[in-house]
Amino acid sequence: MPQSKKRAHHHQFIPPPHKIDGKKNHAIIYVSIIFFCLLGVGIAYFAAGPADAYLIAGGLLGGIAGYFFGKQIDKTITK
């Protein structure tokens, strides 16, 4: 059937695909590293006293635990 020349012909609107931003915000990882590092230093201080080696080890272990904790939280939130 021929189309009327007086009517406007509407084309189907296809929205453009969403642009996914490649940069992620990893602030929760940094915050958890700092928090767990301070927590590890605090635990090492109360457990072993003001010995430098134990404080550094407690801070490192706390930072490592904070990294993995923050990474898991970030993964859960972005899911």
Protein backbone atom coordinates (compact mmCIF):
# COMPACT_ATOMS: atom_id res chain seq x y z
CA MET A 1 0.00 0.00 0.00
CA PRO A 2 1.47 3.41 -0.89
CA GLN A 3 2.42 5.76 1.91
CA SER A 4 0.82 9.17 2.20
CA LYS A 5 3.11 12.06 1.31
CA LYS A 6 1.33 14.43 3.69
CA ARG A 7 1.91 12.37 6.86
CA ALA A 8 5.21 12.56 8.70
CA HIS A 9 6.94 9.23 8.78
CA HIS A 10 8.43 8.46 12.15
CA HIS A 11 11.54 6.40 12.39
CA GLN A 12 12.11 4.19 15.36
CA PHE A 13 14.39 5.88 17.89
CA ILE A 14 17.32 3.77 18.99
CA PRO A 15 19.12 5.32 21.96
CA PRO A 16 22.90 5.38 21.75
CA PRO A 17 24.67 2.78 23.88
CA HIS A 18 25.81 3.94 27.28
CA LYS A 19 29.43 4.91 27.46
CA ILE A 20 31.08 2.93 30.22
CA ASP A 21 33.63 4.92 32.13
CA GLY A 22 36.83 2.91 32.37
CA LYS A 23 38.04 4.71 35.48
CA LYS A 24 36.77 3.20 38.71
CA ASN A 25 36.73 4.79 42.10
CA HIS A 26 38.73 2.62 44.48
CA ALA A 27 38.43 4.86 47.53
CA ILE A 28 37.06 2.05 49.70
CA ILE A 29 40.26 0.06 49.13
CA TYR A 30 42.48 2.93 50.28
CA VAL A 31 40.32 3.65 53.31
CA SER A 32 40.29 0.00 54.36
CA ILE A 33 44.09 -0.27 53.94
CA ILE A 34 44.64 2.72 56.22
CA PHE A 35 42.07 1.53 58.78
CA PHE A 36 43.44 -2.02 58.96
CA CYS A 37 47.02 -0.75 59.05
CA LEU A 38 46.23 1.39 62.08
CA LEU A 39 44.33 -1.49 63.61
CA GLY A 40 47.31 -3.80 63.09
CA VAL A 41 49.70 -1.28 64.63
CA GLY A 42 47.37 -0.88 67.60
CA ILE A 43 47.10 -4.61 68.16
CA ALA A 44 50.88 -5.02 67.84
CA TYR A 45 51.45 -2.18 70.30
CA PHE A 46 49.18 -3.64 72.94
CA ALA A 47 50.48 -7.18 72.36
CA ALA A 48 54.25 -6.57 72.18
CA GLY A 49 54.81 -3.04 73.44
CA PRO A 50 56.63 -0.27 71.59
CA ALA A 51 59.03 -2.57 69.71
CA ASP A 52 59.58 -1.19 66.22
CA ALA A 53 59.78 -4.54 64.42
CA TYR A 54 56.41 -5.67 65.77
CA LEU A 55 54.75 -2.35 64.97
CA ILE A 56 56.01 -2.47 61.37
CA ALA A 57 54.96 -6.12 61.00
CA GLY A 58 51.54 -5.34 62.45
CA GLY A 59 51.13 -2.41 60.08
CA LEU A 60 52.15 -4.46 57.04
CA LEU A 61 49.90 -7.38 57.91
CA GLY A 62 47.03 -5.01 58.64
CA GLY A 63 47.58 -3.21 55.32
CA ILE A 64 47.58 -6.49 53.41
CA ALA A 65 44.39 -7.62 55.16
CA GLY A 66 42.84 -4.20 54.47
CA TYR A 67 43.67 -4.44 50.79
CA PHE A 68 41.93 -7.77 50.38
CA PHE A 69 38.98 -6.67 52.52
CA GLY A 70 38.57 -3.45 50.55
CA LYS A 71 38.92 -5.24 47.23
CA GLN A 72 36.15 -7.66 48.18
CA ILE A 73 33.88 -4.82 49.35
CA ASP A 74 34.54 -2.89 46.12
CA LYS A 75 33.77 -6.00 44.07
CA THR A 76 30.52 -6.53 45.98
CA ILE A 77 29.42 -2.90 45.63
CA THR A 78 30.11 -2.69 41.88
CA LYS A 79 28.30 -5.96 41.20
